[in-house]
Amino acid sequence: KIAEGTPAEVQRDPRVIAAYLGVP
């Protein structure tokens, strides 16, 4: 689990963006 929170919080999380886009 790399992130958890409200939808808005998760959308802004850099770890989530990295996991989906494949960038550090």
mmCIF file of all heavy atoms, coordinates in Angstrom:
data_MODEL
# 
_entry.id   MODEL 
# 
loop_
_atom_site.group_PDB 
_atom_site.id 
_atom_site.type_symbol 
_atom_site.label_atom_id 
_atom_site.label_alt_id 
_atom_site.label_comp_id 
_atom_site.label_asym_id 
_atom_site.label_entity_id 
_atom_site.label_seq_id 
_atom_site.pdbx_PDB_ins_code 
_atom_site.Cartn_x 
_atom_site.Cartn_y 
_atom_site.Cartn_z 
_atom_site.occupancy 
_atom_site.B_iso_or_equiv 
_atom_site.pdbx_formal_charge 
_atom_site.auth_seq_id 
_atom_site.auth_comp_id 
_atom_site.auth_asym_id 
_atom_site.auth_atom_id 
_atom_site.pdbx_PDB_model_num 
ATOM 1   N N   . LYS A 1 1  ? 0.856   -1.182 0.000   1.00 0.00 ? 1  LYS A N   1 
ATOM 2   C CA  . LYS A 1 1  ? 0.000   0.000  0.000   1.00 0.00 ? 1  LYS A CA  1 
ATOM 3   C C   . LYS A 1 1  ? 0.896   1.238  0.000   1.00 0.00 ? 1  LYS A C   1 
ATOM 4   O O   . LYS A 1 1  ? 1.680   1.442  0.917   1.00 0.00 ? 1  LYS A O   1 
ATOM 5   C CB  . LYS A 1 1  ? -0.917  0.018  1.222   1.00 0.00 ? 1  LYS A CB  1 
ATOM 6   C CG  . LYS A 1 1  ? -1.969  1.125  1.147   1.00 0.00 ? 1  LYS A CG  1 
ATOM 7   C CD  . LYS A 1 1  ? -2.922  1.093  2.321   1.00 0.00 ? 1  LYS A CD  1 
ATOM 8   C CE  . LYS A 1 1  ? -2.282  1.682  3.570   1.00 0.00 ? 1  LYS A CE  1 
ATOM 9   N NZ  . LYS A 1 1  ? -3.248  1.815  4.685   1.00 0.00 ? 1  LYS A NZ  1 
ATOM 10  N N   . ILE A 1 2  ? 0.769   2.041  -1.039  1.00 0.00 ? 2  ILE A N   1 
ATOM 11  C CA  . ILE A 1 2  ? 1.627   3.215  -1.156  1.00 0.00 ? 2  ILE A CA  1 
ATOM 12  C C   . ILE A 1 2  ? 0.908   4.508  -0.811  1.00 0.00 ? 2  ILE A C   1 
ATOM 13  O O   . ILE A 1 2  ? 1.556   5.552  -0.628  1.00 0.00 ? 2  ILE A O   1 
ATOM 14  C CB  . ILE A 1 2  ? 2.230   3.332  -2.568  1.00 0.00 ? 2  ILE A CB  1 
ATOM 15  C CG1 . ILE A 1 2  ? 1.118   3.474  -3.621  1.00 0.00 ? 2  ILE A CG1 1 
ATOM 16  C CG2 . ILE A 1 2  ? 3.124   2.132  -2.877  1.00 0.00 ? 2  ILE A CG2 1 
ATOM 17  C CD1 . ILE A 1 2  ? 1.638   3.812  -5.018  1.00 0.00 ? 2  ILE A CD1 1 
ATOM 18  N N   . ALA A 1 3  ? -0.428  4.462  -0.715  1.00 0.00 ? 3  ALA A N   1 
ATOM 19  C CA  . ALA A 1 3  ? -1.175  5.671  -0.380  1.00 0.00 ? 3  ALA A CA  1 
ATOM 20  C C   . ALA A 1 3  ? -2.575  5.295  0.065   1.00 0.00 ? 3  ALA A C   1 
ATOM 21  O O   . ALA A 1 3  ? -3.101  4.248  -0.308  1.00 0.00 ? 3  ALA A O   1 
ATOM 22  C CB  . ALA A 1 3  ? -1.253  6.617  -1.585  1.00 0.00 ? 3  ALA A CB  1 
ATOM 23  N N   . GLU A 1 4  ? -3.171  6.165  0.857   1.00 0.00 ? 4  GLU A N   1 
ATOM 24  C CA  . GLU A 1 4  ? -4.564  6.011  1.275   1.00 0.00 ? 4  GLU A CA  1 
ATOM 25  C C   . GLU A 1 4  ? -5.081  7.368  1.704   1.00 0.00 ? 4  GLU A C   1 
ATOM 26  O O   . GLU A 1 4  ? -4.355  8.171  2.297   1.00 0.00 ? 4  GLU A O   1 
ATOM 27  C CB  . GLU A 1 4  ? -4.705  5.018  2.422   1.00 0.00 ? 4  GLU A CB  1 
ATOM 28  C CG  . GLU A 1 4  ? -6.154  4.800  2.844   1.00 0.00 ? 4  GLU A CG  1 
ATOM 29  C CD  . GLU A 1 4  ? -6.301  3.828  4.003   1.00 0.00 ? 4  GLU A CD  1 
ATOM 30  O OE1 . GLU A 1 4  ? -5.284  3.277  4.445   1.00 0.00 ? 4  GLU A OE1 1 
ATOM 31  O OE2 . GLU A 1 4  ? -7.440  3.640  4.467   1.00 0.00 ? 4  GLU A OE2 1 
ATOM 32  N N   . GLY A 1 5  ? -6.343  7.642  1.394   1.00 0.00 ? 5  GLY A N   1 
ATOM 33  C CA  . GLY A 1 5  ? -6.939  8.911  1.799   1.00 0.00 ? 5  GLY A CA  1 
ATOM 34  C C   . GLY A 1 5  ? -8.220  9.160  1.047   1.00 0.00 ? 5  GLY A C   1 
ATOM 35  O O   . GLY A 1 5  ? -8.805  8.253  0.441   1.00 0.00 ? 5  GLY A O   1 
ATOM 36  N N   . THR A 1 6  ? -8.678  10.394 1.084   1.00 0.00 ? 6  THR A N   1 
ATOM 37  C CA  . THR A 1 6  ? -9.841  10.769 0.296   1.00 0.00 ? 6  THR A CA  1 
ATOM 38  C C   . THR A 1 6  ? -9.462  10.734 -1.181  1.00 0.00 ? 6  THR A C   1 
ATOM 39  O O   . THR A 1 6  ? -8.278  10.762 -1.537  1.00 0.00 ? 6  THR A O   1 
ATOM 40  C CB  . THR A 1 6  ? -10.312 12.173 0.667   1.00 0.00 ? 6  THR A CB  1 
ATOM 41  O OG1 . THR A 1 6  ? -9.287  13.120 0.285   1.00 0.00 ? 6  THR A OG1 1 
ATOM 42  C CG2 . THR A 1 6  ? -10.586 12.288 2.160   1.00 0.00 ? 6  THR A CG2 1 
ATOM 43  N N   . PRO A 1 7  ? -10.451 10.693 -2.076  1.00 0.00 ? 7  PRO A N   1 
ATOM 44  C CA  . PRO A 1 7  ? -10.121 10.723 -3.495  1.00 0.00 ? 7  PRO A CA  1 
ATOM 45  C C   . PRO A 1 7  ? -9.233  11.900 -3.880  1.00 0.00 ? 7  PRO A C   1 
ATOM 46  O O   . PRO A 1 7  ? -8.281  11.742 -4.655  1.00 0.00 ? 7  PRO A O   1 
ATOM 47  C CB  . PRO A 1 7  ? -11.492 10.797 -4.167  1.00 0.00 ? 7  PRO A CB  1 
ATOM 48  C CG  . PRO A 1 7  ? -12.401 10.075 -3.228  1.00 0.00 ? 7  PRO A CG  1 
ATOM 49  C CD  . PRO A 1 7  ? -11.904 10.446 -1.855  1.00 0.00 ? 7  PRO A CD  1 
ATOM 50  N N   . ALA A 1 8  ? -9.508  13.080 -3.338  1.00 0.00 ? 8  ALA A N   1 
ATOM 51  C CA  . ALA A 1 8  ? -8.703  14.255 -3.677  1.00 0.00 ? 8  ALA A CA  1 
ATOM 52  C C   . ALA A 1 8  ? -7.266  14.096 -3.197  1.00 0.00 ? 8  ALA A C   1 
ATOM 53  O O   . ALA A 1 8  ? -6.315  14.455 -3.910  1.00 0.00 ? 8  ALA A O   1 
ATOM 54  C CB  . ALA A 1 8  ? -9.329  15.510 -3.071  1.00 0.00 ? 8  ALA A CB  1 
ATOM 55  N N   . GLU A 1 9  ? -7.098  13.553 -1.991  1.00 0.00 ? 9  GLU A N   1 
ATOM 56  C CA  . GLU A 1 9  ? -5.745  13.359 -1.464  1.00 0.00 ? 9  GLU A CA  1 
ATOM 57  C C   . GLU A 1 9  ? -4.956  12.368 -2.301  1.00 0.00 ? 9  GLU A C   1 
ATOM 58  O O   . GLU A 1 9  ? -3.769  12.579 -2.590  1.00 0.00 ? 9  GLU A O   1 
ATOM 59  C CB  . GLU A 1 9  ? -5.826  12.876 -0.011  1.00 0.00 ? 9  GLU A CB  1 
ATOM 60  C CG  . GLU A 1 9  ? -6.315  13.936 0.964   1.00 0.00 ? 9  GLU A CG  1 
ATOM 61  C CD  . GLU A 1 9  ? -6.650  13.367 2.344   1.00 0.00 ? 9  GLU A CD  1 
ATOM 62  O OE1 . GLU A 1 9  ? -6.831  12.129 2.453   1.00 0.00 ? 9  GLU A OE1 1 
ATOM 63  O OE2 . GLU A 1 9  ? -6.746  14.161 3.293   1.00 0.00 ? 9  GLU A OE2 1 
ATOM 64  N N   . VAL A 1 10 ? -5.599  11.282 -2.699  1.00 0.00 ? 10 VAL A N   1 
ATOM 65  C CA  . VAL A 1 10 ? -4.915  10.251 -3.478  1.00 0.00 ? 10 VAL A CA  1 
ATOM 66  C C   . VAL A 1 10 ? -4.537  10.763 -4.859  1.00 0.00 ? 10 VAL A C   1 
ATOM 67  O O   . VAL A 1 10 ? -3.454  10.475 -5.380  1.00 0.00 ? 10 VAL A O   1 
ATOM 68  C CB  . VAL A 1 10 ? -5.802  8.991  -3.565  1.00 0.00 ? 10 VAL A CB  1 
ATOM 69  C CG1 . VAL A 1 10 ? -5.287  8.031  -4.626  1.00 0.00 ? 10 VAL A CG1 1 
ATOM 70  C CG2 . VAL A 1 10 ? -5.850  8.293  -2.201  1.00 0.00 ? 10 VAL A CG2 1 
ATOM 71  N N   . GLN A 1 11 ? -5.431  11.543 -5.469  1.00 0.00 ? 11 GLN A N   1 
ATOM 72  C CA  . GLN A 1 11 ? -5.140  12.081 -6.796  1.00 0.00 ? 11 GLN A CA  1 
ATOM 73  C C   . GLN A 1 11 ? -3.900  12.961 -6.807  1.00 0.00 ? 11 GLN A C   1 
ATOM 74  O O   . GLN A 1 11 ? -3.185  13.033 -7.804  1.00 0.00 ? 11 GLN A O   1 
ATOM 75  C CB  . GLN A 1 11 ? -6.338  12.893 -7.298  1.00 0.00 ? 11 GLN A CB  1 
ATOM 76  C CG  . GLN A 1 11 ? -7.474  12.047 -7.828  1.00 0.00 ? 11 GLN A CG  1 
ATOM 77  C CD  . GLN A 1 11 ? -8.626  12.907 -8.297  1.00 0.00 ? 11 GLN A CD  1 
ATOM 78  O OE1 . GLN A 1 11 ? -9.185  13.699 -7.537  1.00 0.00 ? 11 GLN A OE1 1 
ATOM 79  N NE2 . GLN A 1 11 ? -8.984  12.772 -9.563  1.00 0.00 ? 11 GLN A NE2 1 
ATOM 80  N N   . ARG A 1 12 ? -3.630  13.623 -5.679  1.00 0.00 ? 12 ARG A N   1 
ATOM 81  C CA  . ARG A 1 12 ? -2.488  14.541 -5.611  1.00 0.00 ? 12 ARG A CA  1 
ATOM 82  C C   . ARG A 1 12 ? -1.200  13.865 -5.165  1.00 0.00 ? 12 ARG A C   1 
ATOM 83  O O   . ARG A 1 12 ? -0.135  14.481 -5.199  1.00 0.00 ? 12 ARG A O   1 
ATOM 84  C CB  . ARG A 1 12 ? -2.792  15.694 -4.641  1.00 0.00 ? 12 ARG A CB  1 
ATOM 85  C CG  . ARG A 1 12 ? -3.916  16.615 -5.073  1.00 0.00 ? 12 ARG A CG  1 
ATOM 86  C CD  . ARG A 1 12 ? -3.939  17.865 -4.206  1.00 0.00 ? 12 ARG A CD  1 
ATOM 87  N NE  . ARG A 1 12 ? -4.129  17.557 -2.798  1.00 0.00 ? 12 ARG A NE  1 
ATOM 88  C CZ  . ARG A 1 12 ? -5.305  17.566 -2.174  1.00 0.00 ? 12 ARG A CZ  1 
ATOM 89  N NH1 . ARG A 1 12 ? -6.401  17.862 -2.855  1.00 0.00 ? 12 ARG A NH1 1 
ATOM 90  N NH2 . ARG A 1 12 ? -5.403  17.273 -0.886  1.00 0.00 ? 12 ARG A NH2 1 
ATOM 91  N N   . ASP A 1 13 ? -1.290  12.609 -4.715  1.00 0.00 ? 13 ASP A N   1 
ATOM 92  C CA  . ASP A 1 13 ? -0.123  11.954 -4.122  1.00 0.00 ? 13 ASP A CA  1 
ATOM 93  C C   . ASP A 1 13 ? 0.913   11.629 -5.194  1.00 0.00 ? 13 ASP A C   1 
ATOM 94  O O   . ASP A 1 13 ? 0.617   10.906 -6.152  1.00 0.00 ? 13 ASP A O   1 
ATOM 95  C CB  . ASP A 1 13 ? -0.569  10.675 -3.410  1.00 0.00 ? 13 ASP A CB  1 
ATOM 96  C CG  . ASP A 1 13 ? 0.503   10.115 -2.496  1.00 0.00 ? 13 ASP A CG  1 
ATOM 97  O OD1 . ASP A 1 13 ? 1.627   9.879  -2.985  1.00 0.00 ? 13 ASP A OD1 1 
ATOM 98  O OD2 . ASP A 1 13 ? 0.219   9.908  -1.306  1.00 0.00 ? 13 ASP A OD2 1 
ATOM 99  N N   . PRO A 1 14 ? 2.158   12.125 -5.051  1.00 0.00 ? 14 PRO A N   1 
ATOM 100 C CA  . PRO A 1 14 ? 3.187   11.851 -6.067  1.00 0.00 ? 14 PRO A CA  1 
ATOM 101 C C   . PRO A 1 14 ? 3.486   10.372 -6.256  1.00 0.00 ? 14 PRO A C   1 
ATOM 102 O O   . PRO A 1 14 ? 3.814   9.939  -7.363  1.00 0.00 ? 14 PRO A O   1 
ATOM 103 C CB  . PRO A 1 14 ? 4.421   12.585 -5.515  1.00 0.00 ? 14 PRO A CB  1 
ATOM 104 C CG  . PRO A 1 14 ? 3.902   13.565 -4.528  1.00 0.00 ? 14 PRO A CG  1 
ATOM 105 C CD  . PRO A 1 14 ? 2.645   12.991 -3.968  1.00 0.00 ? 14 PRO A CD  1 
ATOM 106 N N   . ARG A 1 15 ? 3.342   9.572  -5.181  1.00 0.00 ? 15 ARG A N   1 
ATOM 107 C CA  . ARG A 1 15 ? 3.618   8.137  -5.306  1.00 0.00 ? 15 ARG A CA  1 
ATOM 108 C C   . ARG A 1 15 ? 2.575   7.457  -6.192  1.00 0.00 ? 15 ARG A C   1 
ATOM 109 O O   . ARG A 1 15 ? 2.889   6.526  -6.938  1.00 0.00 ? 15 ARG A O   1 
ATOM 110 C CB  . ARG A 1 15 ? 3.639   7.487  -3.917  1.00 0.00 ? 15 ARG A CB  1 
ATOM 111 C CG  . ARG A 1 15 ? 4.765   7.977  -3.015  1.00 0.00 ? 15 ARG A CG  1 
ATOM 112 C CD  . ARG A 1 15 ? 4.519   7.572  -1.582  1.00 0.00 ? 15 ARG A CD  1 
ATOM 113 N NE  . ARG A 1 15 ? 3.292   8.170  -1.059  1.00 0.00 ? 15 ARG A NE  1 
ATOM 114 C CZ  . ARG A 1 15 ? 2.836   7.996  0.191   1.00 0.00 ? 15 ARG A CZ  1 
ATOM 115 N NH1 . ARG A 1 15 ? 3.493   7.214  1.019   1.00 0.00 ? 15 ARG A NH1 1 
ATOM 116 N NH2 . ARG A 1 15 ? 1.721   8.594  0.586   1.00 0.00 ? 15 ARG A NH2 1 
ATOM 117 N N   . VAL A 1 16 ? 1.336   7.926  -6.107  1.00 0.00 ? 16 VAL A N   1 
ATOM 118 C CA  . VAL A 1 16 ? 0.275   7.361  -6.934  1.00 0.00 ? 16 VAL A CA  1 
ATOM 119 C C   . VAL A 1 16 ? 0.493   7.748  -8.393  1.00 0.00 ? 16 VAL A C   1 
ATOM 120 O O   . VAL A 1 16 ? 0.389   6.911  -9.305  1.00 0.00 ? 16 VAL A O   1 
ATOM 121 C CB  . VAL A 1 16 ? -1.103  7.849  -6.449  1.00 0.00 ? 16 VAL A CB  1 
ATOM 122 C CG1 . VAL A 1 16 ? -2.206  7.319  -7.355  1.00 0.00 ? 16 VAL A CG1 1 
ATOM 123 C CG2 . VAL A 1 16 ? -1.334  7.403  -5.009  1.00 0.00 ? 16 VAL A CG2 1 
ATOM 124 N N   . ILE A 1 17 ? 0.808   8.991  -8.636  1.00 0.00 ? 17 ILE A N   1 
ATOM 125 C CA  . ILE A 1 17 ? 1.075   9.451  -9.998  1.00 0.00 ? 17 ILE A CA  1 
ATOM 126 C C   . ILE A 1 17 ? 2.240   8.666  -10.590 1.00 0.00 ? 17 ILE A C   1 
ATOM 127 O O   . ILE A 1 17 ? 2.194   8.222  -11.742 1.00 0.00 ? 17 ILE A O   1 
ATOM 128 C CB  . ILE A 1 17 ? 1.377   10.960 -9.990  1.00 0.00 ? 17 ILE A CB  1 
ATOM 129 C CG1 . ILE A 1 17 ? 0.162   11.740 -9.491  1.00 0.00 ? 17 ILE A CG1 1 
ATOM 130 C CG2 . ILE A 1 17 ? 1.772   11.425 -11.396 1.00 0.00 ? 17 ILE A CG2 1 
ATOM 131 C CD1 . ILE A 1 17 ? 0.423   13.196 -9.231  1.00 0.00 ? 17 ILE A CD1 1 
ATOM 132 N N   . ALA A 1 18 ? 3.281   8.450  -9.787  1.00 0.00 ? 18 ALA A N   1 
ATOM 133 C CA  . ALA A 1 18 ? 4.439   7.696  -10.275 1.00 0.00 ? 18 ALA A CA  1 
ATOM 134 C C   . ALA A 1 18 ? 4.074   6.255  -10.613 1.00 0.00 ? 18 ALA A C   1 
ATOM 135 O O   . ALA A 1 18 ? 4.523   5.704  -11.621 1.00 0.00 ? 18 ALA A O   1 
ATOM 136 C CB  . ALA A 1 18 ? 5.545   7.720  -9.224  1.00 0.00 ? 18 ALA A CB  1 
ATOM 137 N N   . ALA A 1 19 ? 3.248   5.634  -9.759  1.00 0.00 ? 19 ALA A N   1 
ATOM 138 C CA  . ALA A 1 19 ? 2.867   4.235  -9.985  1.00 0.00 ? 19 ALA A CA  1 
ATOM 139 C C   . ALA A 1 19 ? 2.091   4.072  -11.283 1.00 0.00 ? 19 ALA A C   1 
ATOM 140 O O   . ALA A 1 19 ? 2.269   3.087  -12.007 1.00 0.00 ? 19 ALA A O   1 
ATOM 141 C CB  . ALA A 1 19 ? 2.045   3.721  -8.806  1.00 0.00 ? 19 ALA A CB  1 
ATOM 142 N N   . TYR A 1 20 ? 1.231   5.043  -11.604 1.00 0.00 ? 20 TYR A N   1 
ATOM 143 C CA  . TYR A 1 20 ? 0.414   4.935  -12.809 1.00 0.00 ? 20 TYR A CA  1 
ATOM 144 C C   . TYR A 1 20 ? 1.147   5.388  -14.058 1.00 0.00 ? 20 TYR A C   1 
ATOM 145 O O   . TYR A 1 20 ? 0.922   4.862  -15.147 1.00 0.00 ? 20 TYR A O   1 
ATOM 146 C CB  . TYR A 1 20 ? -0.884  5.746  -12.632 1.00 0.00 ? 20 TYR A CB  1 
ATOM 147 C CG  . TYR A 1 20 ? -1.964  4.960  -11.930 1.00 0.00 ? 20 TYR A CG  1 
ATOM 148 C CD1 . TYR A 1 20 ? -2.145  5.058  -10.564 1.00 0.00 ? 20 TYR A CD1 1 
ATOM 149 C CD2 . TYR A 1 20 ? -2.792  4.098  -12.641 1.00 0.00 ? 20 TYR A CD2 1 
ATOM 150 C CE1 . TYR A 1 20 ? -3.127  4.331  -9.915  1.00 0.00 ? 20 TYR A CE1 1 
ATOM 151 C CE2 . TYR A 1 20 ? -3.778  3.364  -12.013 1.00 0.00 ? 20 TYR A CE2 1 
ATOM 152 C CZ  . TYR A 1 20 ? -3.938  3.489  -10.645 1.00 0.00 ? 20 TYR A CZ  1 
ATOM 153 O OH  . TYR A 1 20 ? -4.902  2.748  -10.013 1.00 0.00 ? 20 TYR A OH  1 
ATOM 154 N N   . LEU A 1 21 ? 2.039   6.356  -13.918 1.00 0.00 ? 21 LEU A N   1 
ATOM 155 C CA  . LEU A 1 21 ? 2.744   6.878  -15.091 1.00 0.00 ? 21 LEU A CA  1 
ATOM 156 C C   . LEU A 1 21 ? 4.105   6.254  -15.296 1.00 0.00 ? 21 LEU A C   1 
ATOM 157 O O   . LEU A 1 21 ? 4.746   6.461  -16.325 1.00 0.00 ? 21 LEU A O   1 
ATOM 158 C CB  . LEU A 1 21 ? 2.887   8.398  -14.973 1.00 0.00 ? 21 LEU A CB  1 
ATOM 159 C CG  . LEU A 1 21 ? 1.584   9.192  -14.933 1.00 0.00 ? 21 LEU A CG  1 
ATOM 160 C CD1 . LEU A 1 21 ? 1.869   10.687 -14.898 1.00 0.00 ? 21 LEU A CD1 1 
ATOM 161 C CD2 . LEU A 1 21 ? 0.675   8.853  -16.105 1.00 0.00 ? 21 LEU A CD2 1 
ATOM 162 N N   . GLY A 1 22 ? 4.600   5.515  -14.273 1.00 0.00 ? 22 GLY A N   1 
ATOM 163 C CA  . GLY A 1 22 ? 5.871   4.841  -14.419 1.00 0.00 ? 22 GLY A CA  1 
ATOM 164 C C   . GLY A 1 22 ? 7.064   5.767  -14.345 1.00 0.00 ? 22 GLY A C   1 
ATOM 165 O O   . GLY A 1 22 ? 8.078   5.509  -14.987 1.00 0.00 ? 22 GLY A O   1 
ATOM 166 N N   . VAL A 1 23 ? 6.948   6.858  -13.567 1.00 0.00 ? 23 VAL A N   1 
ATOM 167 C CA  . VAL A 1 23 ? 8.067   7.792  -13.408 1.00 0.00 ? 23 VAL A CA  1 
ATOM 168 C C   . VAL A 1 23 ? 8.371   7.919  -11.927 1.00 0.00 ? 23 VAL A C   1 
ATOM 169 O O   . VAL A 1 23 ? 7.509   7.720  -11.078 1.00 0.00 ? 23 VAL A O   1 
ATOM 170 C CB  . VAL A 1 23 ? 7.722   9.188  -13.988 1.00 0.00 ? 23 VAL A CB  1 
ATOM 171 C CG1 . VAL A 1 23 ? 7.520   9.104  -15.482 1.00 0.00 ? 23 VAL A CG1 1 
ATOM 172 C CG2 . VAL A 1 23 ? 6.501   9.773  -13.305 1.00 0.00 ? 23 VAL A CG2 1 
ATOM 173 N N   . PRO A 1 24 ? 9.616   8.228  -11.568 1.00 0.00 ? 24 PRO A N   1 
ATOM 174 C CA  . PRO A 1 24 ? 9.961   8.389  -10.156 1.00 0.00 ? 24 PRO A CA  1 
ATOM 175 C C   . PRO A 1 24 ? 9.167   9.513  -9.519  1.00 0.00 ? 24 PRO A C   1 
ATOM 176 O O   . PRO A 1 24 ? 8.874   10.527 -10.164 1.00 0.00 ? 24 PRO A O   1 
ATOM 177 C CB  . PRO A 1 24 ? 11.457  8.713  -10.182 1.00 0.00 ? 24 PRO A CB  1 
ATOM 178 C CG  . PRO A 1 24 ? 11.945  8.216  -11.503 1.00 0.00 ? 24 PRO A CG  1 
ATOM 179 C CD  . PRO A 1 24 ? 10.788  8.378  -12.442 1.00 0.00 ? 24 PRO A CD  1 
# 
